[in-house]
Amino acid sequence: MIFDAVGKTSSSRSKRALKENGVFLSVFKSTGKETTEDLLFLKELIEAENLKSVIDRSYPLEEIVEAHRYVDKGHKKGNVVITIV
């Protein structure tokens, strides 16, 4: 499964990367609005522990500028997390 929570992933590109019977789920449609159906599906996946987050890097809030620089380079392989304590 490929899950796009930001609306930045192209559905056609993602579908080519999926295995047979894979699922592409985007919270955002072309309008940029989430649908109740998609959010409920996502909730079910999380509750069943069937959704695995891919974390590339984590940064403390004090290093948020460096985190943005890393993301802007365009080479991240997963999510970049900012931890707030």
PDB file of N, CA and C in Angstrom:
ATOM      1  N   MET A   1       0.835  -1.164   0.000  1.00  0.00           N
ATOM      2  CA  MET A   1       0.000   0.000   0.000  1.00  0.00           C
ATOM      3  C   MET A   1       0.887   1.237   0.000  1.00  0.00           C
ATOM      4  N   ILE A   2       0.473   2.218  -0.749  1.00  0.00           N
ATOM      5  CA  ILE A   2       1.107   3.533  -0.724  1.00  0.00           C
ATOM      6  C   ILE A   2       0.061   4.502  -0.203  1.00  0.00           C
ATOM      7  N   PHE A   3       0.418   5.233   0.852  1.00  0.00           N
ATOM      8  CA  PHE A   3      -0.493   6.193   1.468  1.00  0.00           C
ATOM      9  C   PHE A   3       0.087   7.589   1.317  1.00  0.00           C
ATOM     10  N   ASP A   4      -0.658   8.454   0.671  1.00  0.00           N
ATOM     11  CA  ASP A   4      -0.237   9.841   0.485  1.00  0.00           C
ATOM     12  C   ASP A   4      -1.074  10.731   1.390  1.00  0.00           C
ATOM     13  N   ALA A   5      -0.447  11.249   2.446  1.00  0.00           N
ATOM     14  CA  ALA A   5      -1.159  12.096   3.400  1.00  0.00           C
ATOM     15  C   ALA A   5      -1.022  13.576   3.081  1.00  0.00           C
ATOM     16  N   VAL A   6      -0.250  13.910   2.062  1.00  0.00           N
ATOM     17  CA  VAL A   6       0.034  15.303   1.768  1.00  0.00           C
ATOM     18  C   VAL A   6      -0.595  15.759   0.460  1.00  0.00           C
ATOM     19  N   GLY A   7      -0.904  14.828  -0.410  1.00  0.00           N
ATOM     20  CA  GLY A   7      -1.467  15.185  -1.709  1.00  0.00           C
ATOM     21  C   GLY A   7      -0.414  15.556  -2.723  1.00  0.00           C
ATOM     22  N   LYS A   8       0.806  15.097  -2.488  1.00  0.00           N
ATOM     23  CA  LYS A   8       1.914  15.470  -3.356  1.00  0.00           C
ATOM     24  C   LYS A   8       2.311  14.341  -4.312  1.00  0.00           C
ATOM     25  N   THR A   9       1.805  13.145  -4.070  1.00  0.00           N
ATOM     26  CA  THR A   9       2.184  11.985  -4.862  1.00  0.00           C
ATOM     27  C   THR A   9       1.241  11.812  -6.044  1.00  0.00           C
ATOM     28  N   SER A  10       1.792  11.576  -7.207  1.00  0.00           N
ATOM     29  CA  SER A  10       0.977  11.333  -8.390  1.00  0.00           C
ATOM     30  C   SER A  10       0.393   9.923  -8.313  1.00  0.00           C
ATOM     31  N   SER A  11      -0.912   9.805  -8.528  1.00  0.00           N
ATOM     32  CA  SER A  11      -1.538   8.485  -8.441  1.00  0.00           C
ATOM     33  C   SER A  11      -1.031   7.555  -9.535  1.00  0.00           C
ATOM     34  N   SER A  12      -0.780   8.069 -10.725  1.00  0.00           N
ATOM     35  CA  SER A  12      -0.294   7.198 -11.803  1.00  0.00           C
ATOM     36  C   SER A  12       1.112   6.684 -11.494  1.00  0.00           C
ATOM     37  N   ARG A  13       1.966   7.532 -10.963  1.00  0.00           N
ATOM     38  CA  ARG A  13       3.326   7.095 -10.602  1.00  0.00           C
ATOM     39  C   ARG A  13       3.273   6.077  -9.464  1.00  0.00           C
ATOM     40  N   SER A  14       2.426   6.325  -8.485  1.00  0.00           N
ATOM     41  CA  SER A  14       2.313   5.414  -7.348  1.00  0.00           C
ATOM     42  C   SER A  14       1.763   4.064  -7.773  1.00  0.00           C
ATOM     43  N   LYS A  15       0.781   4.064  -8.650  1.00  0.00           N
ATOM     44  CA  LYS A  15       0.178   2.804  -9.087  1.00  0.00           C
ATOM     45  C   LYS A  15       1.185   1.925  -9.817  1.00  0.00           C
ATOM     46  N   ARG A  16       2.128   2.534 -10.520  1.00  0.00           N
ATOM     47  CA  ARG A  16       3.174   1.745 -11.184  1.00  0.00           C
ATOM     48  C   ARG A  16       4.111   1.093 -10.167  1.00  0.00           C
ATOM     49  N   ALA A  17       4.232   1.682  -8.989  1.00  0.00           N
ATOM     50  CA  ALA A  17       5.130   1.155  -7.965  1.00  0.00           C
ATOM     51  C   ALA A  17       4.475   0.078  -7.103  1.00  0.00           C
ATOM     52  N   LEU A  18       3.162  -0.062  -7.198  1.00  0.00           N
ATOM     53  CA  LEU A  18       2.446  -1.030  -6.367  1.00  0.00           C
ATOM     54  C   LEU A  18       2.609  -2.455  -6.875  1.00  0.00           C
ATOM     55  N   LYS A  19       2.570  -3.389  -5.938  1.00  0.00           N
ATOM     56  CA  LYS A  19       2.515  -4.800  -6.308  1.00  0.00           C
ATOM     57  C   LYS A  19       1.103  -5.102  -6.798  1.00  0.00           C
ATOM     58  N   GLU A  20       0.936  -6.267  -7.413  1.00  0.00           N
ATOM     59  CA  GLU A  20      -0.388  -6.684  -7.861  1.00  0.00           C
ATOM     60  C   GLU A  20      -1.332  -6.670  -6.664  1.00  0.00           C
ATOM     61  N   ASN A  21      -2.520  -6.142  -6.843  1.00  0.00           N
ATOM     62  CA  ASN A  21      -3.533  -5.997  -5.795  1.00  0.00           C
ATOM     63  C   ASN A  21      -3.139  -4.984  -4.724  1.00  0.00           C
ATOM     64  N   GLY A  22      -2.101  -4.183  -4.981  1.00  0.00           N
ATOM     65  CA  GLY A  22      -1.715  -3.130  -4.041  1.00  0.00           C
ATOM     66  C   GLY A  22      -2.739  -2.002  -4.054  1.00  0.00           C
ATOM     67  N   VAL A  23      -2.707  -1.188  -3.030  1.00  0.00           N
ATOM     68  CA  VAL A  23      -3.683  -0.111  -2.881  1.00  0.00           C
ATOM     69  C   VAL A  23      -2.958   1.228  -2.784  1.00  0.00           C
ATOM     70  N   PHE A  24      -3.443   2.213  -3.538  1.00  0.00           N
ATOM     71  CA  PHE A  24      -2.973   3.591  -3.407  1.00  0.00           C
ATOM     72  C   PHE A  24      -4.069   4.367  -2.707  1.00  0.00           C
ATOM     73  N   LEU A  25      -3.737   4.957  -1.562  1.00  0.00           N
ATOM     74  CA  LEU A  25      -4.717   5.720  -0.795  1.00  0.00           C
ATOM     75  C   LEU A  25      -4.190   7.124  -0.596  1.00  0.00           C
ATOM     76  N   SER A  26      -4.981   8.077  -1.025  1.00  0.00           N
ATOM     77  CA  SER A  26      -4.636   9.478  -0.817  1.00  0.00           C
ATOM     78  C   SER A  26      -5.763  10.117  -0.033  1.00  0.00           C
ATOM     79  N   VAL A  27      -5.416  10.803   1.027  1.00  0.00           N
ATOM     80  CA  VAL A  27      -6.429  11.493   1.815  1.00  0.00           C
ATOM     81  C   VAL A  27      -6.996  12.660   1.017  1.00  0.00           C
ATOM     82  N   PHE A  28      -6.211  13.176   0.088  1.00  0.00           N
ATOM     83  CA  PHE A  28      -6.621  14.331  -0.699  1.00  0.00           C
ATOM     84  C   PHE A  28      -6.980  13.917  -2.119  1.00  0.00           C
ATOM     85  N   LYS A  29      -8.033  14.465  -2.607  1.00  0.00           N
ATOM     86  CA  LYS A  29      -8.423  14.284  -4.004  1.00  0.00           C
ATOM     87  C   LYS A  29      -7.865  15.468  -4.785  1.00  0.00           C
ATOM     88  N   SER A  30      -8.158  15.529  -6.048  1.00  0.00           N
ATOM     89  CA  SER A  30      -7.647  16.634  -6.861  1.00  0.00           C
ATOM     90  C   SER A  30      -8.128  17.988  -6.347  1.00  0.00           C
ATOM     91  N   THR A  31      -9.204  17.968  -5.567  1.00  0.00           N
ATOM     92  CA  THR A  31      -9.706  19.214  -4.988  1.00  0.00           C
ATOM     93  C   THR A  31      -8.927  19.603  -3.746  1.00  0.00           C
ATOM     94  N   GLY A  32      -8.114  18.684  -3.221  1.00  0.00           N
ATOM     95  CA  GLY A  32      -7.364  18.969  -2.009  1.00  0.00           C
ATOM     96  C   GLY A  32      -8.148  18.707  -0.742  1.00  0.00           C
ATOM     97  N   LYS A  33      -9.333  18.095  -0.876  1.00  0.00           N
ATOM     98  CA  LYS A  33     -10.157  17.829   0.300  1.00  0.00           C
ATOM     99  C   LYS A  33     -10.183  16.336   0.592  1.00  0.00           C
ATOM    100  N   GLU A  34     -10.114  16.029   1.879  1.00  0.00           N
ATOM    101  CA  GLU A  34     -10.193  14.628   2.281  1.00  0.00           C
ATOM    102  C   GLU A  34     -11.649  14.171   2.218  1.00  0.00           C
ATOM    103  N   THR A  35     -11.831  12.853   2.095  1.00  0.00           N
ATOM    104  CA  THR A  35     -13.185  12.315   2.110  1.00  0.00           C
ATOM    105  C   THR A  35     -13.378  11.527   3.396  1.00  0.00           C
ATOM    106  N   THR A  36     -14.592  11.490   3.861  1.00  0.00           N
ATOM    107  CA  THR A  36     -14.910  10.730   5.069  1.00  0.00           C
ATOM    108  C   THR A  36     -14.575   9.263   4.869  1.00  0.00           C
ATOM    109  N   GLU A  37     -14.881   8.739   3.692  1.00  0.00           N
ATOM    110  CA  GLU A  37     -14.606   7.326   3.403  1.00  0.00           C
ATOM    111  C   GLU A  37     -13.110   7.020   3.523  1.00  0.00           C
ATOM    112  N   ASP A  38     -12.269   7.871   2.952  1.00  0.00           N
ATOM    113  CA  ASP A  38     -10.822   7.657   3.029  1.00  0.00           C
ATOM    114  C   ASP A  38     -10.324   7.749   4.464  1.00  0.00           C
ATOM    115  N   LEU A  39     -10.832   8.714   5.218  1.00  0.00           N
ATOM    116  CA  LEU A  39     -10.392   8.866   6.604  1.00  0.00           C
ATOM    117  C   LEU A  39     -10.832   7.689   7.465  1.00  0.00           C
ATOM    118  N   LEU A  40     -12.031   7.170   7.231  1.00  0.00           N
ATOM    119  CA  LEU A  40     -12.493   5.994   7.974  1.00  0.00           C
ATOM    120  C   LEU A  40     -11.651   4.766   7.629  1.00  0.00           C
ATOM    121  N   PHE A  41     -11.302   4.620   6.345  1.00  0.00           N
ATOM    122  CA  PHE A  41     -10.447   3.512   5.929  1.00  0.00           C
ATOM    123  C   PHE A  41      -9.088   3.617   6.608  1.00  0.00           C
ATOM    124  N   LEU A  42      -8.535   4.807   6.645  1.00  0.00           N
ATOM    125  CA  LEU A  42      -7.251   5.033   7.308  1.00  0.00           C
ATOM    126  C   LEU A  42      -7.347   4.720   8.799  1.00  0.00           C
ATOM    127  N   LYS A  43      -8.410   5.138   9.439  1.00  0.00           N
ATOM    128  CA  LYS A  43      -8.636   4.848  10.862  1.00  0.00           C
ATOM    129  C   LYS A  43      -8.655   3.343  11.107  1.00  0.00           C
ATOM    130  N   GLU A  44      -9.346   2.604  10.252  1.00  0.00           N
ATOM    131  CA  GLU A  44      -9.403   1.143  10.392  1.00  0.00           C
ATOM    132  C   GLU A  44      -8.021   0.518  10.243  1.00  0.00           C
ATOM    133  N   LEU A  45      -7.243   0.991   9.287  1.00  0.00           N
ATOM    134  CA  LEU A  45      -5.888   0.462   9.100  1.00  0.00           C
ATOM    135  C   LEU A  45      -5.022   0.708  10.330  1.00  0.00           C
ATOM    136  N   ILE A  46      -5.116   1.896  10.886  1.00  0.00           N
ATOM    137  CA  ILE A  46      -4.323   2.225  12.071  1.00  0.00           C
ATOM    138  C   ILE A  46      -4.751   1.369  13.250  1.00  0.00           C
ATOM    139  N   GLU A  47      -6.046   1.257  13.479  1.00  0.00           N
ATOM    140  CA  GLU A  47      -6.544   0.475  14.607  1.00  0.00           C
ATOM    141  C   GLU A  47      -6.179  -1.000  14.484  1.00  0.00           C
ATOM    142  N   ALA A  48      -6.125  -1.527  13.265  1.00  0.00           N
ATOM    143  CA  ALA A  48      -5.770  -2.932  13.045  1.00  0.00           C
ATOM    144  C   ALA A  48      -4.256  -3.121  12.974  1.00  0.00           C
ATOM    145  N   GLU A  49      -3.513  -2.029  13.153  1.00  0.00           N
ATOM    146  CA  GLU A  49      -2.051  -2.046  13.072  1.00  0.00           C
ATOM    147  C   GLU A  49      -1.562  -2.583  11.724  1.00  0.00           C
ATOM    148  N   ASN A  50      -2.280  -2.235  10.664  1.00  0.00           N
ATOM    149  CA  ASN A  50      -1.921  -2.641   9.306  1.00  0.00           C
ATOM    150  C   ASN A  50      -1.311  -1.504   8.498  1.00  0.00           C
ATOM    151  N   LEU A  51      -0.950  -0.442   9.163  1.00  0.00           N
ATOM    152  CA  LEU A  51      -0.350   0.698   8.490  1.00  0.00           C
ATOM    153  C   LEU A  51       1.031   0.914   9.083  1.00  0.00           C
ATOM    154  N   LYS A  52       2.032   0.825   8.251  1.00  0.00           N
ATOM    155  CA  LYS A  52       3.408   0.976   8.715  1.00  0.00           C
ATOM    156  C   LYS A  52       3.953   2.303   8.205  1.00  0.00           C
ATOM    157  N   SER A  53       4.401   3.121   9.123  1.00  0.00           N
ATOM    158  CA  SER A  53       5.009   4.399   8.745  1.00  0.00           C
ATOM    159  C   SER A  53       6.452   4.171   8.336  1.00  0.00           C
ATOM    160  N   VAL A  54       6.868   4.854   7.311  1.00  0.00           N
ATOM    161  CA  VAL A  54       8.268   4.806   6.889  1.00  0.00           C
ATOM    162  C   VAL A  54       8.894   6.127   7.324  1.00  0.00           C
ATOM    163  N   ILE A  55       9.754   6.052   8.325  1.00  0.00           N
ATOM    164  CA  ILE A  55      10.409   7.240   8.863  1.00  0.00           C
ATOM    165  C   ILE A  55      11.830   7.288   8.328  1.00  0.00           C
ATOM    166  N   ASP A  56      12.145   8.324   7.589  1.00  0.00           N
ATOM    167  CA  ASP A  56      13.491   8.513   7.061  1.00  0.00           C
ATOM    168  C   ASP A  56      14.391   9.089   8.149  1.00  0.00           C
ATOM    169  N   ARG A  57      13.981  10.213   8.714  1.00  0.00           N
ATOM    170  CA  ARG A  57      14.776  10.880   9.751  1.00  0.00           C
ATOM    171  C   ARG A  57      13.860  11.574  10.744  1.00  0.00           C
ATOM    172  N   SER A  58      14.398  11.767  11.943  1.00  0.00           N
ATOM    173  CA  SER A  58      13.708  12.539  12.979  1.00  0.00           C
ATOM    174  C   SER A  58      14.609  13.686  13.410  1.00  0.00           C
ATOM    175  N   TYR A  59      13.994  14.822  13.659  1.00  0.00           N
ATOM    176  CA  TYR A  59      14.728  16.005  14.113  1.00  0.00           C
ATOM    177  C   TYR A  59      14.007  16.589  15.322  1.00  0.00           C
ATOM    178  N   PRO A  60      14.764  17.072  16.319  1.00  0.00           N
ATOM    179  CA  PRO A  60      14.114  17.825  17.397  1.00  0.00           C
ATOM    180  C   PRO A  60      13.654  19.175  16.847  1.00  0.00           C
ATOM    181  N   LEU A  61      12.690  19.768  17.506  1.00  0.00           N
ATOM    182  CA  LEU A  61      12.141  21.040  17.048  1.00  0.00           C
ATOM    183  C   LEU A  61      13.227  22.091  16.831  1.00  0.00           C
ATOM    184  N   GLU A  62      14.257  22.058  17.649  1.00  0.00           N
ATOM    185  CA  GLU A  62      15.337  23.042  17.535  1.00  0.00           C
ATOM    186  C   GLU A  62      16.087  22.934  16.205  1.00  0.00           C
ATOM    187  N   GLU A  63      15.961  21.805  15.507  1.00  0.00           N
ATOM    188  CA  GLU A  63      16.654  21.599  14.232  1.00  0.00           C
ATOM    189  C   GLU A  63      15.692  21.603  13.042  1.00  0.00           C
ATOM    190  N   ILE A  64      14.566  22.298  13.199  1.00  0.00           N
ATOM    191  CA  ILE A  64      13.553  22.282  12.145  1.00  0.00           C
ATOM    192  C   ILE A  64      14.065  22.891  10.834  1.00  0.00           C
ATOM    193  N   VAL A  65      14.957  23.868  10.924  1.00  0.00           N
ATOM    194  CA  VAL A  65      15.512  24.467   9.705  1.00  0.00           C
ATOM    195  C   VAL A  65      16.310  23.419   8.934  1.00  0.00           C
ATOM    196  N   GLU A  66      17.116  22.640   9.645  1.00  0.00           N
ATOM    197  CA  GLU A  66      17.890  21.570   9.001  1.00  0.00           C
ATOM    198  C   GLU A  66      16.955  20.511   8.410  1.00  0.00           C
ATOM    199  N   ALA A  67      15.865  20.206   9.102  1.00  0.00           N
ATOM    200  CA  ALA A  67      14.890  19.238   8.589  1.00  0.00           C
ATOM    201  C   ALA A  67      14.301  19.724   7.266  1.00  0.00           C
ATOM    202  N   HIS A  68      13.953  20.991   7.198  1.00  0.00           N
ATOM    203  CA  HIS A  68      13.416  21.550   5.949  1.00  0.00           C
ATOM    204  C   HIS A  68      14.463  21.517   4.839  1.00  0.00           C
ATOM    205  N   ARG A  69      15.692  21.793   5.177  1.00  0.00           N
ATOM    206  CA  ARG A  69      16.757  21.723   4.161  1.00  0.00           C
ATOM    207  C   ARG A  69      16.860  20.307   3.603  1.00  0.00           C
ATOM    208  N   TYR A  70      16.792  19.325   4.497  1.00  0.00           N
ATOM    209  CA  TYR A  70      16.885  17.927   4.073  1.00  0.00           C
ATOM    210  C   TYR A  70      15.726  17.573   3.134  1.00  0.00           C
ATOM    211  N   VAL A  71      14.524  17.943   3.505  1.00  0.00           N
ATOM    212  CA  VAL A  71      13.352  17.648   2.676  1.00  0.00           C
ATOM    213  C   VAL A  71      13.453  18.367   1.331  1.00  0.00           C
ATOM    214  N   ASP A  72      13.886  19.614   1.354  1.00  0.00           N
ATOM    215  CA  ASP A  72      13.979  20.406   0.122  1.00  0.00           C
ATOM    216  C   ASP A  72      14.968  19.835  -0.884  1.00  0.00           C
ATOM    217  N   LYS A  73      15.932  19.045  -0.410  1.00  0.00           N
ATOM    218  CA  LYS A  73      16.895  18.422  -1.329  1.00  0.00           C
ATOM    219  C   LYS A  73      16.217  17.386  -2.221  1.00  0.00           C
ATOM    220  N   GLY A  74      15.061  16.860  -1.776  1.00  0.00           N
ATOM    221  CA  GLY A  74      14.295  15.931  -2.593  1.00  0.00           C
ATOM    222  C   GLY A  74      14.785  14.499  -2.598  1.00  0.00           C
ATOM    223  N   HIS A  75      15.588  14.120  -1.623  1.00  0.00           N
ATOM    224  CA  HIS A  75      16.128  12.760  -1.602  1.00  0.00           C
ATOM    225  C   HIS A  75      15.590  11.907  -0.460  1.00  0.00           C
ATOM    226  N   LYS A  76      14.612  12.390   0.255  1.00  0.00           N
ATOM    227  CA  LYS A  76      14.130  11.623   1.404  1.00  0.00           C
ATOM    228  C   LYS A  76      13.404  10.362   0.946  1.00  0.00           C
ATOM    229  N   LYS A  77      13.501   9.334   1.750  1.00  0.00           N
ATOM    230  CA  LYS A  77      12.854   8.046   1.470  1.00  0.00           C
ATOM    231  C   LYS A  77      11.913   7.715   2.621  1.00  0.00           C
ATOM    232  N   GLY A  78      10.867   8.440   2.717  1.00  0.00           N
ATOM    233  CA  GLY A  78       9.928   8.255   3.821  1.00  0.00           C
ATOM    234  C   GLY A  78       9.611   9.601   4.444  1.00  0.00           C
ATOM    235  N   ASN A  79       9.072   9.547   5.633  1.00  0.00           N
ATOM    236  CA  ASN A  79       8.664  10.764   6.320  1.00  0.00           C
ATOM    237  C   ASN A  79       9.797  11.353   7.136  1.00  0.00           C
ATOM    238  N   VAL A  80       9.747  12.643   7.317  1.00  0.00           N
ATOM    239  CA  VAL A  80      10.664  13.342   8.205  1.00  0.00           C
ATOM    240  C   VAL A  80       9.822  13.828   9.379  1.00  0.00           C
ATOM    241  N   VAL A  81      10.243  13.449  10.571  1.00  0.00           N
ATOM    242  CA  VAL A  81       9.475  13.724  11.782  1.00  0.00           C
ATOM    243  C   VAL A  81      10.139  14.835  12.579  1.00  0.00           C
ATOM    244  N   ILE A  82       9.329  15.746  13.085  1.00  0.00           N
ATOM    245  CA  ILE A  82       9.801  16.775  14.005  1.00  0.00           C
ATOM    246  C   ILE A  82       9.248  16.417  15.380  1.00  0.00           C
ATOM    247  N   THR A  83      10.152  16.199  16.332  1.00  0.00           N
ATOM    248  CA  THR A  83       9.705  15.835  17.680  1.00  0.00           C
ATOM    249  C   THR A  83       9.585  17.089  18.537  1.00  0.00           C
ATOM    250  N   ILE A  84       8.460  17.188  19.213  1.00  0.00           N
ATOM    251  CA  ILE A  84       8.191  18.312  20.111  1.00  0.00           C
ATOM    252  C   ILE A  84       7.997  17.727  21.497  1.00  0.00           C
ATOM    253  N   VAL A  85       8.834  18.163  22.416  1.00  0.00           N
ATOM    254  CA  VAL A  85       8.757  17.611  23.781  1.00  0.00           C
ATOM    255  C   VAL A  85       8.213  18.650  24.721  1.00  0.00           C
TER     256      VAL A  85
END
